[in-house]
Protein backbone atom coordinates (compact mmCIF):
# COMPACT_ATOMS: atom_id res chain seq x y z
CA UNK A 1 3.33 10.61 7.75
CA UNK A 2 4.67 14.20 7.83
CA UNK A 3 7.97 12.98 9.31
CA UNK A 4 8.22 10.29 6.64
CA UNK A 5 7.51 12.83 3.90
CA UNK A 6 10.14 15.20 5.29
CA UNK A 7 12.88 12.58 5.13
CA UNK A 8 11.91 11.20 1.74
CA UNK A 9 11.60 14.57 0.03
CA UNK A 10 14.45 16.60 1.56
CA UNK A 11 18.11 16.25 0.61
CA UNK A 12 19.40 14.96 3.91
CA UNK A 13 22.31 12.54 4.30
CA UNK A 14 20.82 9.05 4.60
CA UNK A 15 17.35 10.60 4.36
CA UNK A 16 16.03 7.80 2.18
CA UNK A 17 17.21 5.20 4.70
CA UNK A 18 15.58 7.12 7.55
CA UNK A 19 12.40 7.48 5.47
CA UNK A 20 12.48 3.73 4.76
CA UNK A 21 12.78 3.01 8.50
CA UNK A 22 9.87 5.31 9.31
CA UNK A 23 7.84 3.74 6.49
CA UNK A 24 8.53 0.23 7.80
CA UNK A 25 7.58 1.23 11.35
CA UNK A 26 4.37 2.92 10.17
CA UNK A 27 3.42 -0.10 8.07
CA UNK A 28 4.27 -2.56 10.84
CA UNK A 29 2.32 -0.68 13.51
CA UNK A 30 -0.67 -0.45 11.15
CA UNK A 31 -0.53 -4.22 10.65
CA UNK A 32 -0.02 -4.85 14.36
CA UNK A 33 -3.02 -2.66 15.21
CA UNK A 34 -5.28 -4.73 12.96
CA UNK A 35 -3.89 -8.00 14.32
CA UNK A 36 -4.45 -6.94 17.95
CA UNK A 37 -7.97 -5.71 17.17
CA UNK A 38 -8.87 -9.07 15.61
CA UNK A 39 -7.26 -11.10 18.42
CA UNK A 40 -9.06 -9.12 21.11
CA UNK A 41 -12.30 -9.14 19.14
CA UNK A 42 -12.33 -5.34 18.96
CA UNK A 43 -12.91 -5.05 15.23
CA UNK A 44 -15.27 -2.16 14.51
CA UNK A 45 -17.06 -0.93 11.42
CA UNK A 46 -15.07 2.29 11.64
CA UNK A 47 -11.84 0.30 11.86
CA UNK A 48 -12.78 -1.73 8.80
CA UNK A 49 -13.11 1.53 6.88
CA UNK A 50 -10.17 3.45 8.36
CA UNK A 51 -7.53 0.70 8.36
CA UNK A 52 -7.45 0.30 4.56
CA UNK A 53 -7.52 4.10 4.26
CA UNK A 54 -4.42 4.43 6.45
CA UNK A 55 -2.64 1.83 4.28
CA UNK A 56 -3.59 3.72 1.13
CA UNK A 57 -2.46 7.12 2.45
CA UNK A 58 0.93 5.78 3.46
CA UNK A 59 1.48 4.00 0.15
CA UNK A 60 0.20 6.96 -1.89
CA UNK A 61 2.50 9.40 -0.09
CA UNK A 62 5.47 7.16 -0.83
CA UNK A 63 4.52 6.58 -4.47
CA UNK A 64 3.99 10.26 -5.25
CA UNK A 65 7.28 11.15 -3.56
CA UNK A 66 9.18 8.45 -5.48
CA UNK A 67 7.68 9.53 -8.81
CA UNK A 68 8.66 13.11 -7.99
CA UNK A 69 12.24 11.95 -7.49
CA UNK A 70 12.17 9.92 -10.73
CA UNK A 71 12.85 6.80 -8.65
CA UNK A 72 9.60 5.16 -9.78
CA UNK A 73 7.99 5.17 -13.21
CA UNK A 74 4.77 7.19 -13.14
CA UNK A 75 2.78 4.43 -14.88
CA UNK A 76 3.39 2.08 -11.96
CA UNK A 77 2.17 4.66 -9.47
CA UNK A 78 -0.88 5.31 -11.64
CA UNK A 79 -1.77 1.61 -11.81
CA UNK A 80 -1.46 1.28 -8.03
CA UNK A 81 -3.35 4.51 -7.30
CA UNK A 82 -6.09 3.66 -9.80
CA UNK A 83 -6.67 0.32 -8.11
CA UNK A 84 -6.80 2.00 -4.69
CA UNK A 85 -9.34 4.60 -5.84
CA UNK A 86 -11.42 1.95 -7.63
CA UNK A 87 -11.58 -0.27 -4.54
CA UNK A 88 -12.37 2.73 -2.35
CA UNK A 89 -15.22 3.60 -4.73
CA UNK A 90 -16.44 0.01 -4.57
CA UNK A 91 -16.43 0.20 -0.78
CA UNK A 92 -18.45 3.43 -0.96
CA UNK A 93 -21.06 1.75 -3.18
CA UNK A 94 -21.17 -1.21 -0.81
CA UNK A 95 -21.54 1.10 2.22
CA UNK A 96 -24.47 2.83 0.52
CA UNK A 97 -26.07 -0.62 0.29
CA UNK A 98 -25.37 -1.29 3.97
CA UNK A 99 -22.39 -3.57 3.35
CA UNK A 100 -18.85 -3.25 4.60
CA UNK A 101 -16.10 -4.75 2.47
CA UNK A 102 -13.19 -5.53 4.76
CA UNK A 103 -9.66 -5.98 3.49
CA UNK A 104 -9.23 -9.46 2.03
CA UNK A 105 -6.24 -11.70 2.71
CA UNK A 106 -5.30 -11.28 -0.96
CA UNK A 107 -5.30 -7.50 -0.51
CA UNK A 108 -3.14 -7.81 2.59
CA UNK A 109 -0.56 -9.70 0.51
CA UNK A 110 -0.82 -6.87 -2.04
CA UNK A 111 -0.07 -4.34 0.68
CA UNK A 112 2.97 -6.29 1.87
CA UNK A 113 4.35 -6.59 -1.67
CA UNK A 114 3.86 -2.85 -2.20
CA UNK A 115 5.64 -2.06 1.07
CA UNK A 116 8.57 -4.32 0.16
CA UNK A 117 8.86 -2.74 -3.30
CA UNK A 118 8.65 0.82 -1.95
CA UNK A 119 11.32 0.14 0.68
CA UNK A 120 13.57 -1.47 -1.95
CA UNK A 121 13.28 1.67 -4.06
CA UNK A 122 13.87 4.00 -1.11
CA UNK A 123 17.08 2.23 -0.15
CA UNK A 124 18.06 2.01 -3.82
CA UNK A 125 18.12 -1.79 -3.87
CA UNK A 126 20.62 -1.96 -0.95
CA UNK A 127 21.99 -4.56 -0.02
CA UNK A 128 21.14 -6.30 -3.31
CA UNK A 129 22.96 -3.58 -5.23
CA UNK A 130 26.19 -5.00 -3.82
CA UNK A 131 25.62 -8.23 -5.73
CA UNK A 132 23.90 -6.64 -8.75
CA UNK A 133 20.58 -8.39 -8.19
CA UNK A 134 17.63 -6.26 -9.37
CA UNK A 135 15.49 -7.01 -6.29
CA UNK A 136 13.58 -3.73 -6.51
CA UNK A 137 12.55 -4.47 -10.11
CA UNK A 138 11.35 -7.96 -9.18
CA UNK A 139 9.57 -6.60 -6.09
CA UNK A 140 7.88 -3.91 -8.20
CA UNK A 141 6.68 -6.49 -10.71
CA UNK A 142 5.24 -8.67 -7.97
CA UNK A 143 3.58 -5.64 -6.33
CA UNK A 144 1.98 -4.51 -9.60
CA UNK A 145 0.72 -8.04 -10.30
CA UNK A 146 -0.83 -8.39 -6.83
CA UNK A 147 -2.26 -4.88 -7.10
CA UNK A 148 -4.11 -5.72 -10.30
CA UNK A 149 -5.18 -9.21 -9.24
CA UNK A 150 -6.46 -8.12 -5.82
CA UNK A 151 -8.43 -5.27 -7.41
CA UNK A 152 -10.05 -7.69 -9.84
CA UNK A 153 -10.79 -10.03 -6.94
CA UNK A 154 -12.66 -7.28 -5.05
CA UNK A 155 -14.82 -6.48 -8.06
CA UNK A 156 -15.48 -10.16 -8.76
CA UNK A 157 -16.55 -10.67 -5.16
CA UNK A 158 -18.84 -7.64 -5.19
CA UNK A 159 -20.40 -8.26 -8.59
CA UNK A 160 -23.86 -8.53 -7.04
CA UNK A 161 -23.68 -4.83 -6.14
CA UNK A 162 -23.90 -4.00 -9.82
CA UNK A 163 -26.64 -6.49 -10.70
CA UNK A 164 -29.41 -4.07 -9.78
């Protein structure tokens, strides 16, 4: 993450493209790690807690950096960050009750849509900018929608935690 942050925040030629590459590699290796753990039946309680945390840290670092550069509206970052903190809080409540809430398939789609949108912003809509297609705007809209819907899904699924 420090290398990613260096390239996204410093004025370096092609820095945003390098940052996007690092971001993609970090996101892909995080996904690959989870896939391998599931395939080899090496899923642990610690992994169920740390894997979503790693996703959140990477996305949060990118969002804050992009807001700081005025490349992303602050309200979008706030919606995404609020959902992440709310779900993390929900997981903490569940853990206090002896339950682990693993990342859902819906939330994994949310993560992918966020990654796609963040990369589109970092590369300033390239190559779509060559044909004037607002891919990054569409990707952001999809990411925000999945962010909200997946957050609601977590709370719906854990409603029994609040019935006491």
